């Protein structure tokens, strides 16, 4: 595997992990939110560099796929990595699925909360969005790191 892309992906994941730890120790809500959003963005960027690393392995030196679909277009839907990532992406609760949800959530303005009065109390289920907790993000990040390690080991054998 291209060591430069592996290194970049690892760096982004390390930085995201560092920001998660800071967010958990943040003295105020604003700092915690800023560091958590920064960790999410770094993790999303790490995912894109992971796709570039895979493309590099398949001799697409200048390719920078932005999505799994673009990677599939480059190396094919039958390549082991795209088959595996496709399965992970469709698995509920997977790190890829969680990052997809976070990416969608990060790109939208926060929803407005309605004020509650005695006149308007109605029980309704609302979409709360993805789990943005530091623990959930740390779990997805750890799973992504395991995938990167496995991928690197597999390609280093070749």
C-alpha atoms as a PDB file:
ATOM      1  CA  UNK A   1       0.000   0.000   0.000  1.00  0.00           C
ATOM      2  CA  UNK A   2       1.181   3.510  -0.663  1.00  0.00           C
ATOM      3  CA  UNK A   3       2.883   4.454   2.592  1.00  0.00           C
ATOM      4  CA  UNK A   4       2.342   8.198   2.040  1.00  0.00           C
ATOM      5  CA  UNK A   5      -1.434   7.779   1.938  1.00  0.00           C
ATOM      6  CA  UNK A   6      -1.371   5.333   4.824  1.00  0.00           C
ATOM      7  CA  UNK A   7       0.653   7.839   6.837  1.00  0.00           C
ATOM      8  CA  UNK A   8      -1.711  10.704   5.977  1.00  0.00           C
ATOM      9  CA  UNK A   9      -4.743   8.614   6.935  1.00  0.00           C
ATOM     10  CA  UNK A  10      -3.097   7.577  10.208  1.00  0.00           C
ATOM     11  CA  UNK A  11      -2.196  11.186  11.003  1.00  0.00           C
ATOM     12  CA  UNK A  12      -5.764  12.378  10.440  1.00  0.00           C
ATOM     13  CA  UNK A  13      -7.090   9.600  12.660  1.00  0.00           C
ATOM     14  CA  UNK A  14      -4.557  10.408  15.389  1.00  0.00           C
ATOM     15  CA  UNK A  15      -5.494  14.099  15.295  1.00  0.00           C
ATOM     16  CA  UNK A  16      -9.201  13.254  15.398  1.00  0.00           C
ATOM     17  CA  UNK A  17      -8.600  10.979  18.367  1.00  0.00           C
ATOM     18  CA  UNK A  18      -6.732  13.792  20.128  1.00  0.00           C
ATOM     19  CA  UNK A  19      -9.618  16.210  19.522  1.00  0.00           C
ATOM     20  CA  UNK A  20     -12.117  13.663  20.864  1.00  0.00           C
ATOM     21  CA  UNK A  21     -10.136  13.448  24.100  1.00  0.00           C
ATOM     22  CA  UNK A  22     -10.016  17.247  24.334  1.00  0.00           C
ATOM     23  CA  UNK A  23     -13.763  17.498  23.717  1.00  0.00           C
ATOM     24  CA  UNK A  24     -14.421  15.136  26.617  1.00  0.00           C
ATOM     25  CA  UNK A  25     -12.334  17.322  28.937  1.00  0.00           C
ATOM     26  CA  UNK A  26     -13.574  20.667  27.604  1.00  0.00           C
ATOM     27  CA  UNK A  27     -14.487  23.120  30.343  1.00  0.00           C
ATOM     28  CA  UNK A  28     -17.409  24.583  28.393  1.00  0.00           C
ATOM     29  CA  UNK A  29     -19.961  23.466  25.833  1.00  0.00           C
ATOM     30  CA  UNK A  30     -18.590  25.682  23.040  1.00  0.00           C
ATOM     31  CA  UNK A  31     -15.071  24.271  23.260  1.00  0.00           C
ATOM     32  CA  UNK A  32     -16.422  20.736  23.452  1.00  0.00           C
ATOM     33  CA  UNK A  33     -18.597  21.267  20.382  1.00  0.00           C
ATOM     34  CA  UNK A  34     -15.753  22.877  18.420  1.00  0.00           C
ATOM     35  CA  UNK A  35     -13.333  20.049  19.137  1.00  0.00           C
ATOM     36  CA  UNK A  36     -15.976  17.395  18.430  1.00  0.00           C
ATOM     37  CA  UNK A  37     -16.848  18.964  15.069  1.00  0.00           C
ATOM     38  CA  UNK A  38     -13.142  19.200  14.286  1.00  0.00           C
ATOM     39  CA  UNK A  39     -12.734  15.503  15.110  1.00  0.00           C
ATOM     40  CA  UNK A  40     -15.657  14.618  12.833  1.00  0.00           C
ATOM     41  CA  UNK A  41     -14.180  16.645   9.959  1.00  0.00           C
ATOM     42  CA  UNK A  42     -10.741  15.060  10.397  1.00  0.00           C
ATOM     43  CA  UNK A  43     -12.270  11.587  10.452  1.00  0.00           C
ATOM     44  CA  UNK A  44     -14.207  12.328   7.263  1.00  0.00           C
ATOM     45  CA  UNK A  45     -11.006  13.589   5.643  1.00  0.00           C
ATOM     46  CA  UNK A  46      -9.206  10.441   6.809  1.00  0.00           C
ATOM     47  CA  UNK A  47     -11.875   8.355   5.092  1.00  0.00           C
ATOM     48  CA  UNK A  48     -11.211  10.181   1.811  1.00  0.00           C
ATOM     49  CA  UNK A  49      -7.472   9.670   2.148  1.00  0.00           C
ATOM     50  CA  UNK A  50      -8.162   5.980   2.799  1.00  0.00           C
ATOM     51  CA  UNK A  51      -9.992   5.843  -0.547  1.00  0.00           C
ATOM     52  CA  UNK A  52      -7.007   7.527  -2.211  1.00  0.00           C
ATOM     53  CA  UNK A  53      -4.665   4.990  -0.616  1.00  0.00           C
ATOM     54  CA  UNK A  54      -6.706   2.149  -2.088  1.00  0.00           C
ATOM     55  CA  UNK A  55      -6.771   3.834  -5.504  1.00  0.00           C
ATOM     56  CA  UNK A  56      -2.975   4.244  -5.332  1.00  0.00           C
ATOM     57  CA  UNK A  57      -2.580   0.551  -4.657  1.00  0.00           C
ATOM     58  CA  UNK A  58      -4.462  -0.147  -7.874  1.00  0.00           C
ATOM     59  CA  UNK A  59      -2.059   2.105  -9.796  1.00  0.00           C
ATOM     60  CA  UNK A  60      -4.377   5.121 -10.032  1.00  0.00           C
ATOM     61  CA  UNK A  61      -1.626   7.491  -8.939  1.00  0.00           C
ATOM     62  CA  UNK A  62      -3.419  10.810  -9.438  1.00  0.00           C
ATOM     63  CA  UNK A  63      -6.918   9.659  -8.483  1.00  0.00           C
ATOM     64  CA  UNK A  64      -8.565  11.205  -5.440  1.00  0.00           C
ATOM     65  CA  UNK A  65     -11.911   9.430  -5.070  1.00  0.00           C
ATOM     66  CA  UNK A  66     -14.356  11.366  -2.943  1.00  0.00           C
ATOM     67  CA  UNK A  67     -16.748   8.466  -2.360  1.00  0.00           C
ATOM     68  CA  UNK A  68     -17.014   4.713  -2.412  1.00  0.00           C
ATOM     69  CA  UNK A  69     -18.889   4.987  -5.714  1.00  0.00           C
ATOM     70  CA  UNK A  70     -15.982   6.872  -7.287  1.00  0.00           C
ATOM     71  CA  UNK A  71     -13.541   4.258  -5.984  1.00  0.00           C
ATOM     72  CA  UNK A  72     -15.726   1.515  -7.462  1.00  0.00           C
ATOM     73  CA  UNK A  73     -15.637   3.342 -10.788  1.00  0.00           C
ATOM     74  CA  UNK A  74     -11.838   3.364 -10.673  1.00  0.00           C
ATOM     75  CA  UNK A  75     -10.997  -0.127  -9.484  1.00  0.00           C
ATOM     76  CA  UNK A  76     -14.254  -2.010 -10.065  1.00  0.00           C
ATOM     77  CA  UNK A  77     -17.053  -3.277  -7.877  1.00  0.00           C
ATOM     78  CA  UNK A  78     -15.430  -6.716  -7.692  1.00  0.00           C
ATOM     79  CA  UNK A  79     -12.174  -5.560  -6.094  1.00  0.00           C
ATOM     80  CA  UNK A  80     -11.828  -6.989  -2.557  1.00  0.00           C
ATOM     81  CA  UNK A  81     -11.661  -3.527  -0.970  1.00  0.00           C
ATOM     82  CA  UNK A  82     -14.780  -2.211  -2.686  1.00  0.00           C
ATOM     83  CA  UNK A  83     -16.704  -5.394  -1.882  1.00  0.00           C
ATOM     84  CA  UNK A  84     -15.685  -5.140   1.756  1.00  0.00           C
ATOM     85  CA  UNK A  85     -16.354  -1.399   2.029  1.00  0.00           C
ATOM     86  CA  UNK A  86     -19.735  -1.810   0.332  1.00  0.00           C
ATOM     87  CA  UNK A  87     -20.681  -4.442   2.923  1.00  0.00           C
ATOM     88  CA  UNK A  88     -19.474  -2.202   5.753  1.00  0.00           C
ATOM     89  CA  UNK A  89     -21.356   0.795   4.315  1.00  0.00           C
ATOM     90  CA  UNK A  90     -24.640  -1.130   4.268  1.00  0.00           C
ATOM     91  CA  UNK A  91     -24.207  -2.565   7.742  1.00  0.00           C
ATOM     92  CA  UNK A  92     -26.316  -0.657  10.244  1.00  0.00           C
ATOM     93  CA  UNK A  93     -24.141   0.833  12.955  1.00  0.00           C
ATOM     94  CA  UNK A  94     -20.863   0.357  11.079  1.00  0.00           C
ATOM     95  CA  UNK A  95     -18.140   2.975  11.140  1.00  0.00           C
ATOM     96  CA  UNK A  96     -18.733   3.812   7.462  1.00  0.00           C
ATOM     97  CA  UNK A  97     -22.475   4.132   7.990  1.00  0.00           C
ATOM     98  CA  UNK A  98     -21.922   6.303  11.066  1.00  0.00           C
ATOM     99  CA  UNK A  99     -19.544   8.590   9.146  1.00  0.00           C
ATOM    100  CA  UNK A 100     -22.089   8.900   6.317  1.00  0.00           C
ATOM    101  CA  UNK A 101     -24.683  10.040   8.848  1.00  0.00           C
ATOM    102  CA  UNK A 102     -22.261  12.475  10.462  1.00  0.00           C
ATOM    103  CA  UNK A 103     -21.265  13.886   7.067  1.00  0.00           C
ATOM    104  CA  UNK A 104     -24.905  14.537   6.214  1.00  0.00           C
ATOM    105  CA  UNK A 105     -25.526  16.071   9.626  1.00  0.00           C
ATOM    106  CA  UNK A 106     -22.434  18.306   9.458  1.00  0.00           C
ATOM    107  CA  UNK A 107     -23.596  19.739   6.127  1.00  0.00           C
ATOM    108  CA  UNK A 108     -26.933  21.003   7.434  1.00  0.00           C
ATOM    109  CA  UNK A 109     -27.739  23.844   9.806  1.00  0.00           C
ATOM    110  CA  UNK A 110     -28.834  22.659  13.250  1.00  0.00           C
ATOM    111  CA  UNK A 111     -32.561  22.120  13.595  1.00  0.00           C
ATOM    112  CA  UNK A 112     -34.465  24.657  15.642  1.00  0.00           C
ATOM    113  CA  UNK A 113     -35.824  23.465  18.912  1.00  0.00           C
ATOM    114  CA  UNK A 114     -39.408  24.347  19.651  1.00  0.00           C
ATOM    115  CA  UNK A 115     -40.334  25.853  22.948  1.00  0.00           C
ATOM    116  CA  UNK A 116     -42.590  23.769  25.105  1.00  0.00           C
ATOM    117  CA  UNK A 117     -45.657  25.249  26.720  1.00  0.00           C
ATOM    118  CA  UNK A 118     -48.607  23.575  28.335  1.00  0.00           C
ATOM    119  CA  UNK A 119     -50.699  24.320  25.235  1.00  0.00           C
ATOM    120  CA  UNK A 120     -48.445  22.600  22.741  1.00  0.00           C
ATOM    121  CA  UNK A 121     -47.280  19.451  24.492  1.00  0.00           C
ATOM    122  CA  UNK A 122     -47.730  16.654  21.980  1.00  0.00           C
ATOM    123  CA  UNK A 123     -45.805  13.413  22.003  1.00  0.00           C
ATOM    124  CA  UNK A 124     -44.067  13.003  18.666  1.00  0.00           C
ATOM    125  CA  UNK A 125     -41.054  11.082  17.519  1.00  0.00           C
ATOM    126  CA  UNK A 126     -38.496  13.381  15.999  1.00  0.00           C
ATOM    127  CA  UNK A 127     -35.360  12.586  14.058  1.00  0.00           C
ATOM    128  CA  UNK A 128     -32.557  13.246  16.485  1.00  0.00           C
ATOM    129  CA  UNK A 129     -29.842  12.634  13.899  1.00  0.00           C
ATOM    130  CA  UNK A 130     -26.736  10.521  14.261  1.00  0.00           C
ATOM    131  CA  UNK A 131     -25.052   9.840  17.565  1.00  0.00           C
ATOM    132  CA  UNK A 132     -22.560  12.710  17.831  1.00  0.00           C
ATOM    133  CA  UNK A 133     -21.175  11.710  21.196  1.00  0.00           C
ATOM    134  CA  UNK A 134     -17.446  11.548  21.701  1.00  0.00           C
ATOM    135  CA  UNK A 135     -17.753   7.883  22.667  1.00  0.00           C
ATOM    136  CA  UNK A 136     -19.626   6.971  19.494  1.00  0.00           C
ATOM    137  CA  UNK A 137     -17.153   8.856  17.310  1.00  0.00           C
ATOM    138  CA  UNK A 138     -14.240   7.229  19.149  1.00  0.00           C
ATOM    139  CA  UNK A 139     -15.765   3.791  18.469  1.00  0.00           C
ATOM    140  CA  UNK A 140     -16.129   4.541  14.748  1.00  0.00           C
ATOM    141  CA  UNK A 141     -12.598   5.918  14.640  1.00  0.00           C
ATOM    142  CA  UNK A 142     -11.221   2.787  16.332  1.00  0.00           C
ATOM    143  CA  UNK A 143     -13.056   0.558  13.842  1.00  0.00           C
ATOM    144  CA  UNK A 144     -11.669   2.608  10.963  1.00  0.00           C
ATOM    145  CA  UNK A 145      -8.152   2.257  12.395  1.00  0.00           C
ATOM    146  CA  UNK A 146      -8.605  -1.524  12.594  1.00  0.00           C
ATOM    147  CA  UNK A 147      -9.731  -1.574   8.965  1.00  0.00           C
ATOM    148  CA  UNK A 148      -6.706   0.514   7.921  1.00  0.00           C
ATOM    149  CA  UNK A 149      -4.348  -1.811   9.808  1.00  0.00           C
ATOM    150  CA  UNK A 150      -5.888  -4.909   8.208  1.00  0.00           C
ATOM    151  CA  UNK A 151      -5.781  -3.313   4.781  1.00  0.00           C
ATOM    152  CA  UNK A 152      -2.158  -2.297   5.208  1.00  0.00           C
ATOM    153  CA  UNK A 153      -1.133  -5.750   6.396  1.00  0.00           C
ATOM    154  CA  UNK A 154      -2.883  -7.375   3.444  1.00  0.00           C
ATOM    155  CA  UNK A 155      -1.199  -5.132   0.882  1.00  0.00           C
ATOM    156  CA  UNK A 156       2.200  -5.220   2.530  1.00  0.00           C
ATOM    157  CA  UNK A 157       2.192  -8.997   2.025  1.00  0.00           C
ATOM    158  CA  UNK A 158       1.928  -8.517  -1.735  1.00  0.00           C
END
